[in-house]
C-alpha atoms as a PDB file:
ATOM      1  CA  MET A   1     -17.181   2.431   2.104  1.00  0.00           C
ATOM      2  CA  ASN A   2     -13.594   1.730   1.141  1.00  0.00           C
ATOM      3  CA  HIS A   3     -11.999   4.801  -0.287  1.00  0.00           C
ATOM      4  CA  ARG A   4      -9.356   2.450  -1.874  1.00  0.00           C
ATOM      5  CA  ASP A   5     -12.107   0.953  -4.367  1.00  0.00           C
ATOM      6  CA  THR A   6     -12.463   4.311  -6.123  1.00  0.00           C
ATOM      7  CA  GLN A   7      -9.348   6.202  -6.021  1.00  0.00           C
ATOM      8  CA  PRO A   8      -5.552   5.484  -7.050  1.00  0.00           C
ATOM      9  CA  PRO A   9      -2.956   4.737  -3.924  1.00  0.00           C
ATOM     10  CA  SER A  10      -1.814   8.235  -3.703  1.00  0.00           C
ATOM     11  CA  ALA A  11      -5.026  10.166  -3.790  1.00  0.00           C
ATOM     12  CA  PHE A  12      -6.107   9.285  -0.118  1.00  0.00           C
ATOM     13  CA  ASN A  13      -2.731  10.833   1.301  1.00  0.00           C
ATOM     14  CA  ILE A  14      -3.944  14.512   0.014  1.00  0.00           C
ATOM     15  CA  PRO A  15      -5.847  16.564   2.216  1.00  0.00           C
ATOM     16  CA  ALA A  16      -8.097  17.914  -0.367  1.00  0.00           C
ATOM     17  CA  HIS A  17      -9.220  14.236  -0.911  1.00  0.00           C
ATOM     18  CA  ILE A  18      -9.907  13.637   2.597  1.00  0.00           C
ATOM     19  CA  ARG A  19     -11.852  16.961   2.999  1.00  0.00           C
ATOM     20  CA  ALA A  20     -13.833  16.071  -0.201  1.00  0.00           C
ATOM     21  CA  THR A  21     -14.686  12.316   0.680  1.00  0.00           C
ATOM     22  CA  TRP A  22     -14.584  11.694   4.661  1.00  0.00           C
ATOM     23  CA  GLY A  23     -17.293  12.723   6.986  1.00  0.00           C
ATOM     24  CA  GLY A  24     -16.961  13.658  10.435  1.00  0.00           C
ATOM     25  CA  THR A  25     -14.537  10.407  11.094  1.00  0.00           C
ATOM     26  CA  GLY A  26     -12.482   8.042   9.331  1.00  0.00           C
ATOM     27  CA  SER A  27     -10.866   4.560   9.615  1.00  0.00           C
ATOM     28  CA  VAL A  28      -7.697   3.958  11.376  1.00  0.00           C
ATOM     29  CA  GLU A  29      -6.547   2.086   8.297  1.00  0.00           C
ATOM     30  CA  ASP A  30      -7.275   5.111   5.908  1.00  0.00           C
ATOM     31  CA  ALA A  31      -5.534   7.761   8.348  1.00  0.00           C
ATOM     32  CA  SER A  32      -2.540   5.727   8.701  1.00  0.00           C
ATOM     33  CA  ALA A  33      -2.155   5.389   4.983  1.00  0.00           C
ATOM     34  CA  ALA A  34      -2.423   9.343   4.796  1.00  0.00           C
ATOM     35  CA  PHE A  35       0.486   9.543   7.648  1.00  0.00           C
ATOM     36  CA  GLY A  36       2.278   7.083   5.736  1.00  0.00           C
ATOM     37  CA  PHE A  37       2.248   4.022   7.821  1.00  0.00           C
ATOM     38  CA  SER A  38       0.844   0.571   8.117  1.00  0.00           C
ATOM     39  CA  ARG A  39      -2.479  -0.313   9.529  1.00  0.00           C
ATOM     40  CA  ALA A  40      -0.781  -2.581  11.912  1.00  0.00           C
ATOM     41  CA  LYS A  41       1.499   0.436  13.066  1.00  0.00           C
ATOM     42  CA  GLY A  42      -1.566   2.601  13.075  1.00  0.00           C
ATOM     43  CA  TYR A  43      -3.656   0.455  15.554  1.00  0.00           C
ATOM     44  CA  ASP A  44      -0.256  -0.114  17.561  1.00  0.00           C
ATOM     45  CA  LEU A  45       0.027   3.908  18.127  1.00  0.00           C
ATOM     46  CA  VAL A  46      -3.979   4.044  18.799  1.00  0.00           C
ATOM     47  CA  ARG A  47      -3.353   1.240  21.687  1.00  0.00           C
ATOM     48  CA  ARG A  48      -0.398   3.185  22.922  1.00  0.00           C
ATOM     49  CA  GLY A  49      -2.504   6.321  23.012  1.00  0.00           C
ATOM     50  CA  GLU A  50       0.106   7.665  20.590  1.00  0.00           C
ATOM     51  CA  PHE A  51      -1.652   7.980  17.412  1.00  0.00           C
ATOM     52  CA  PRO A  52      -0.765  11.564  16.033  1.00  0.00           C
ATOM     53  CA  CYS A  53      -4.347  12.892  15.912  1.00  0.00           C
ATOM     54  CA  ARG A  54      -7.468  12.502  17.780  1.00  0.00           C
ATOM     55  CA  VAL A  55      -9.029   8.956  17.893  1.00  0.00           C
ATOM     56  CA  LEU A  56     -12.525   8.038  19.201  1.00  0.00           C
ATOM     57  CA  ARG A  57     -13.569   4.777  20.517  1.00  0.00           C
ATOM     58  CA  ILE A  58     -17.402   4.098  19.779  1.00  0.00           C
ATOM     59  CA  GLY A  59     -18.426   0.569  21.117  1.00  0.00           C
ATOM     60  CA  ARG A  60     -15.894  -1.845  19.620  1.00  0.00           C
ATOM     61  CA  SER A  61     -15.055   0.604  16.681  1.00  0.00           C
ATOM     62  CA  THR A  62     -12.019   2.910  16.862  1.00  0.00           C
ATOM     63  CA  ARG A  63     -12.635   6.302  14.399  1.00  0.00           C
ATOM     64  CA  VAL A  64     -10.253   9.073  13.664  1.00  0.00           C
ATOM     65  CA  VAL A  65     -11.444  12.505  13.858  1.00  0.00           C
ATOM     66  CA  THR A  66     -11.214  14.048  10.183  1.00  0.00           C
ATOM     67  CA  ALA A  67     -10.775  17.626  11.471  1.00  0.00           C
ATOM     68  CA  SER A  68      -7.951  16.669  13.756  1.00  0.00           C
ATOM     69  CA  LEU A  69      -6.411  14.510  10.888  1.00  0.00           C
ATOM     70  CA  LEU A  70      -6.305  17.514   8.658  1.00  0.00           C
ATOM     71  CA  ARG A  71      -4.976  19.807  11.295  1.00  0.00           C
ATOM     72  CA  VAL A  72      -1.922  17.506  11.932  1.00  0.00           C
ATOM     73  CA  LEU A  73      -1.513  16.879   8.142  1.00  0.00           C
ATOM     74  CA  ASP A  74      -1.369  20.766   7.883  1.00  0.00           C
ATOM     75  CA  SER A  75       0.816  21.575  10.697  1.00  0.00           C
ATOM     76  CA  GLY A  76       3.077  18.707  11.270  1.00  0.00           C
ATOM     77  CA  GLU A  77       2.308  18.923  14.982  1.00  0.00           C
ATOM     78  CA  PRO A  78       0.600  15.795  16.729  1.00  0.00           C
ATOM     79  CA  GLU A  79      -2.611  16.312  18.397  1.00  0.00           C
ATOM     80  CA  TYR A  80      -2.812  13.461  20.679  1.00  0.00           C
ATOM     81  CA  SER A  81      -6.031  12.054  22.366  1.00  0.00           C
ATOM     82  CA  GLY A  82      -4.332  11.376  25.589  1.00  0.00           C
ATOM     83  CA  THR A  83      -6.952   8.910  26.469  1.00  0.00           C
ATOM     84  CA  ARG A  84      -4.229   6.418  28.386  1.00  0.00           C
ATOM     85  CA  ASP A  85      -2.483   9.856  30.242  1.00  0.00           C
ATOM     86  CA  ALA A  86      -5.566  11.857  31.159  1.00  0.00           C
ATOM     87  CA  ARG A  87      -6.343  11.475  34.693  1.00  0.00           C
ATOM     88  CA  PHE A  88      -9.330  13.259  36.450  1.00  0.00           C
ATOM     89  CA  GLU A  89      -7.690  15.354  39.388  1.00  0.00           C
ATOM     90  CA  PRO A  90     -10.124  16.950  41.604  1.00  0.00           C
ATOM     91  CA  ALA A  91      -9.577  20.741  42.188  1.00  0.00           C
END
């Protein structure tokens, strides 16, 4: 379901709206709108591993973790997935 069909444009940027309408994950497009940047910029940040909150790749789909998005919106501190920089180092 595209949240844009049922709400005015400013509504998706409000954490209360996100809590009420999103499940465990949301689209990169909607999360990008919540941060105030474009869909293209959002996917560029995902590709570089720099999207401000946690991102899951499920098959060919990319989803933003709702709890992470809300924490970042509330705190203003990024919470990167770190998928590109994380390396397994045996102890």
